[in-house]
Amino acid sequence: MAIEIVERFSVAAPIDAVWRFVMDPHQVVTCMPGAALDEVVDDRAFLGSVQVKLGAVTTRYRGRVHFTEVDETARSVQMIAEGRETGGGTAKAVVSSRLNALPDGRTEIVAEAKVDLTGRIVQVGRGMIQGVSHQLFQQFAASAKERLEQPSASLPVAAEPTPIRIVPLLLQVLWSAIAGFFRRLFGRPLSER
């Protein structure tokens, strides 16, 4: 199953500090739900894993992230991430990220990904996977903002990753969809009903 994801958020930090953060896998992995950095192969390749819990089943994707393009002047990167699930499924993503300096001194991070998934995870469907991806990105963004906006705060550097719990995220996405439906239904003028 192929999906496309586009996300953006901004942080109250200068672009140079955000760039150093984005290029440091030790920093980035601490903000990614369920992720662990297993090995830094070189300055452009990393081995890692992501744990996913779907109901009673916990699975782990192990794989490699490789920067294919790094443009320090434009503050943009492109990477390919490939992983294999212990149960046989696969995940492959081409991810492009760019930083934009905002007039107020903040930095905007824009991420675009093309993801191809196989295996048990695709059973939940494209809409739910996109919704869960959005929720996970929001968690990453909140953690990254905390780390970048409060660099002197004592934040954990490394810990055993907690598996991504898909069922609560699915329920959150489903509830948002239901609430949005009723807002649209009852928010329309009577002439449109």
Protein backbone atom coordinates (compact mmCIF):
# COMPACT_ATOMS: atom_id res chain seq x y z
CA MET A 1 0.00 0.00 0.00
CA ALA A 2 1.44 3.37 -1.02
CA ILE A 3 0.60 6.53 0.91
CA GLU A 4 1.83 10.11 0.82
CA ILE A 5 2.28 12.25 3.89
CA VAL A 6 2.93 15.99 4.15
CA GLU A 7 3.39 17.55 7.58
CA ARG A 8 4.77 20.84 8.92
CA PHE A 9 5.36 22.54 12.25
CA SER A 10 7.39 25.42 13.61
CA VAL A 11 9.64 25.82 16.62
CA ALA A 12 10.89 28.84 18.54
CA ALA A 13 14.51 28.16 17.68
CA PRO A 14 16.95 29.55 15.08
CA ILE A 15 17.38 27.64 11.84
CA ASP A 16 21.02 26.71 12.59
CA ALA A 17 20.05 24.99 15.85
CA VAL A 18 17.18 23.13 14.15
CA TRP A 19 19.49 22.04 11.33
CA ARG A 20 22.00 20.59 13.82
CA PHE A 21 19.11 18.76 15.50
CA VAL A 22 17.75 17.34 12.20
CA MET A 23 21.20 16.08 11.20
CA ASP A 24 21.85 14.35 14.56
CA PRO A 25 20.26 10.86 14.61
CA HIS A 26 20.85 10.58 18.37
CA GLN A 27 18.61 13.63 18.92
CA VAL A 28 15.95 12.81 16.32
CA VAL A 29 15.42 9.21 17.47
CA THR A 30 14.60 10.30 21.03
CA CYS A 31 11.62 12.22 19.63
CA MET A 32 10.26 9.40 17.45
CA PRO A 33 7.65 7.17 19.12
CA GLY A 34 8.77 3.54 19.29
CA ALA A 35 12.13 4.17 17.60
CA ALA A 36 15.64 3.11 18.60
CA LEU A 37 19.00 3.90 17.01
CA ASP A 38 21.01 0.68 16.80
CA GLU A 39 24.12 1.81 14.92
CA VAL A 40 25.59 4.87 13.20
CA VAL A 41 27.23 3.38 10.10
CA ASP A 42 28.64 6.73 8.93
CA ASP A 43 27.48 10.36 8.76
CA ARG A 44 24.83 9.44 6.16
CA ALA A 45 23.65 5.95 7.13
CA PHE A 46 22.03 4.61 10.30
CA LEU A 47 20.57 1.31 11.46
CA GLY A 48 17.57 1.28 13.74
CA SER A 49 14.26 -0.22 14.67
CA VAL A 50 10.66 0.74 15.42
CA GLN A 51 8.35 -1.27 17.66
CA VAL A 52 4.65 -1.35 16.78
CA LYS A 53 1.90 -2.80 18.97
CA LEU A 54 -1.32 -3.69 17.16
CA GLY A 55 -3.75 -5.07 19.73
CA ALA A 56 -2.05 -8.02 21.43
CA VAL A 57 0.62 -8.32 18.73
CA THR A 58 3.92 -6.45 19.07
CA THR A 59 6.19 -6.39 16.06
CA ARG A 60 9.45 -4.68 15.25
CA TYR A 61 10.64 -3.19 12.00
CA ARG A 62 14.44 -3.29 11.66
CA GLY A 63 16.08 -1.32 8.92
CA ARG A 64 18.34 1.34 7.54
CA VAL A 65 18.06 5.08 6.95
CA HIS A 66 20.34 6.60 4.34
CA PHE A 67 20.64 10.30 3.48
CA THR A 68 20.63 10.50 -0.31
CA GLU A 69 20.79 14.29 -0.52
CA VAL A 70 22.03 16.86 2.01
CA ASP A 71 21.94 20.53 1.03
CA GLU A 72 23.26 22.55 3.96
CA THR A 73 22.79 25.86 2.13
CA ALA A 74 19.12 25.19 1.35
CA ARG A 75 18.69 23.40 4.70
CA SER A 76 17.07 20.38 3.02
CA VAL A 77 17.62 16.63 3.17
CA GLN A 78 16.26 13.60 1.41
CA MET A 79 16.53 10.13 2.86
CA ILE A 80 15.44 6.60 2.13
CA ALA A 81 14.26 4.48 5.04
CA GLU A 82 13.75 0.75 4.56
CA GLY A 83 12.68 -1.77 7.15
CA ARG A 84 11.53 -5.34 7.45
CA GLU A 85 8.98 -6.51 10.00
CA THR A 86 9.73 -9.62 12.02
CA GLY A 87 6.53 -11.13 10.57
CA GLY A 88 7.61 -10.54 6.97
CA GLY A 89 6.06 -7.16 6.14
CA THR A 90 8.13 -4.32 4.75
CA ALA A 91 8.16 -0.55 4.94
CA LYS A 92 10.00 1.76 2.55
CA ALA A 93 9.84 5.53 2.64
CA VAL A 94 11.41 8.36 0.69
CA VAL A 95 11.39 11.34 3.04
CA SER A 96 12.25 14.93 2.14
CA SER A 97 12.58 17.59 4.80
CA ARG A 98 13.35 21.25 4.55
CA LEU A 99 13.74 24.07 7.02
CA ASN A 100 12.45 27.59 6.48
CA ALA A 101 13.55 30.56 8.58
CA LEU A 102 10.48 32.55 9.60
CA PRO A 103 10.52 36.34 10.06
CA ASP A 104 9.93 36.12 13.82
CA GLY A 105 13.06 34.01 14.38
CA ARG A 106 11.16 30.71 14.45
CA THR A 107 11.95 27.82 12.11
CA GLU A 108 9.41 25.86 10.09
CA ILE A 109 10.04 22.17 9.42
CA VAL A 110 8.29 20.69 6.38
CA ALA A 111 8.37 16.92 5.87
CA GLU A 112 7.04 15.02 2.85
CA ALA A 113 7.08 11.25 2.63
CA LYS A 114 6.10 8.60 0.13
CA VAL A 115 5.63 5.36 2.03
CA ASP A 116 5.07 1.85 0.72
CA LEU A 117 3.88 -0.75 3.26
CA THR A 118 3.26 -4.48 3.10
CA GLY A 119 2.27 -6.98 5.78
CA ARG A 120 -0.23 -7.05 8.63
CA ILE A 121 -0.25 -3.29 9.18
CA VAL A 122 -2.03 -2.63 5.86
CA GLN A 123 -5.13 -4.43 7.16
CA VAL A 124 -6.18 -1.26 9.00
CA GLY A 125 -6.58 0.62 5.70
CA ARG A 126 -5.12 3.68 4.01
CA GLY A 127 -7.24 6.31 5.80
CA MET A 128 -6.43 4.93 9.23
CA ILE A 129 -2.71 4.62 8.42
CA GLN A 130 -2.64 8.25 7.29
CA GLY A 131 -4.50 9.30 10.44
CA VAL A 132 -2.14 7.33 12.66
CA SER A 133 0.85 8.77 10.77
CA HIS A 134 -0.47 12.26 11.49
CA GLN A 135 -0.88 11.47 15.20
CA LEU A 136 2.66 10.05 15.36
CA PHE A 137 4.04 13.13 13.60
CA GLN A 138 2.24 15.34 16.13
CA GLN A 139 3.93 13.39 18.94
CA PHE A 140 7.31 13.77 17.21
CA ALA A 141 6.71 17.50 16.68
CA ALA A 142 5.77 18.06 20.33
CA SER A 143 8.88 16.22 21.52
CA ALA A 144 11.15 18.02 19.03
CA LYS A 145 9.69 21.40 20.05
CA GLU A 146 10.30 20.64 23.71
CA ARG A 147 13.88 19.59 23.02
CA LEU A 148 14.65 22.57 20.76
CA GLU A 149 12.80 25.26 22.71
CA GLN A 150 14.12 24.16 26.13
CA PRO A 151 17.62 22.87 25.34
CA SER A 152 18.82 23.26 28.92
CA ALA A 153 15.93 21.23 30.34
CA SER A 154 16.86 17.80 31.61
CA LEU A 155 15.23 15.70 28.92
CA PRO A 156 15.97 11.98 28.59
CA VAL A 157 18.77 11.32 26.12
CA ALA A 158 18.11 7.63 25.58
CA ALA A 159 15.63 5.15 26.96
CA GLU A 160 14.19 1.81 25.97
CA PRO A 161 11.64 2.67 23.27
CA THR A 162 8.01 2.12 24.13
CA PRO A 163 6.17 0.37 21.28
CA ILE A 164 3.82 2.51 19.23
CA ARG A 165 0.37 1.48 20.42
CA ILE A 166 -1.70 1.49 17.23
CA VAL A 167 -5.14 0.70 18.71
CA PRO A 168 -5.37 3.88 20.86
CA LEU A 169 -4.19 5.92 17.87
CA LEU A 170 -6.77 4.24 15.63
CA LEU A 171 -9.50 5.05 18.16
CA GLN A 172 -8.32 8.66 18.30
CA VAL A 173 -8.40 8.90 14.50
CA LEU A 174 -11.83 7.24 14.35
CA TRP A 175 -13.22 9.58 17.03
CA SER A 176 -11.85 12.62 15.14
CA ALA A 177 -13.51 11.40 11.94
CA ILE A 178 -16.87 10.86 13.68
CA ALA A 179 -16.72 14.23 15.45
CA GLY A 180 -15.78 15.95 12.16
CA PHE A 181 -18.71 14.29 10.41
CA PHE A 182 -21.19 15.54 13.00
CA ARG A 183 -19.66 19.04 12.99
CA ARG A 184 -20.09 19.17 9.22
CA LEU A 185 -23.60 17.69 9.41
CA PHE A 186 -24.95 19.98 12.10
CA GLY A 187 -22.82 22.99 11.26
CA ARG A 188 -24.45 23.48 7.86
CA PRO A 189 -27.31 25.95 7.43
CA LEU A 190 -30.81 24.41 7.31
CA SER A 191 -31.12 25.28 3.61
CA GLU A 192 -28.30 22.84 2.85
CA ARG A 193 -29.74 19.92 4.86
